[in-house]
Amino acid sequence: MVQAAASSGDFSVVVPAVDFTITCTYGTTTVEVNRFRSYVERLIAIPSGVNVNQITTGVVVQPDGMTRHVPTEVTQIGVVYYAKINSLTNSTYAVVWHPITFADVAKHWAKASVNNMGSRMVVTGYDADTYKPDADITRAEFAAIVVRALGLAVGTGASDFRDVNAADWYCGYIQTAASYGLINGYGNGAFGPNDKITREQAMVIIARAMELTDLKANLTDGEVSGTLATYTDADAVSGYAKSGVAECVWAKVISGRTAATVNPQEHITRAEVAVVVERLLQNSGLIEMR
């Protein structure tokens, strides 16, 4: 099953699939714990002779044979290397090599982050060579990237948002993001999946993701005001977004477009998104720093 997934996903399996299950037993009753409140680490030993520089990430191998990224860091304990997989669920995991290099980011400032997140199956290109780093991104696309970055399972069935249909490619991602409290709609029952997402909207979602990864600082009102005061356009940050923007800046996940401006109402670009989700995972200790 894993080899079939490898063939369809264009990656190489470095360490075969390993099944991890956590159960709770009381008396004669045993219950499997399928979803955790925080990330649980699993260590998979890398066989001797395997080049640890040719390990991209761990993946979850789903019952249907499909795979998805799960935050993974290669670490050394004594003389043995391990893939430290961080997950919120019980799953079957494999370790893979999946190098991606987008031609159109070769001279771009975000090259390393885009290729790293592409290799980890977090962001996708328009084709094998094209990422379009300076293009804007939609709310649905951003939700999907955050779900993939966190290693969350994609939902099934209908969405609670009236403008998200079960047949839409992004329906499952939006359903998952909503179930984890990462996204809200506009308050009128709509999500606006095809609307371009602003920087402050993205920061609010990332700040909520930081709660899952234990990176969120829960700043006081004074700390929020003090953090935003470093930007000359702080007044442009919407009231609902002030805390989220400040949390992201505080955690060094997002910075302003200049030292003096955070540009909250401008659209976030595909390059910026790759950098942001990479920093989220790195600063949360879920993947290695480059």
Foldseek 3Di string as FASTA:
>chain_A
DQVVQCVVQVWAFQFDKDFDWDWDDDDPDIDTDFFALAKDKDKDWGDPPGDPVQWQAKWFQDPVRHIAFFQWAWDDDDNIIIIITIAGGGTIMTIIGFFAAAQVCPPPPLRVLVRSCVSRVLDDDPDRHGNQFFAFDFPLNLLSSLCRLNNHDFAADADQAPPDGRPDPSGRSVRRCVVLVLDDDPPPSHNRRGHGDFQLRSLSSLLSVCSRLVLFPPDDPVQLVVQLVQAPVSVVRDPVRSSSVSRCVVLVLDAQPDSHHNRGGHTDGNSSSSSNSVSSCPSSVRYDDD
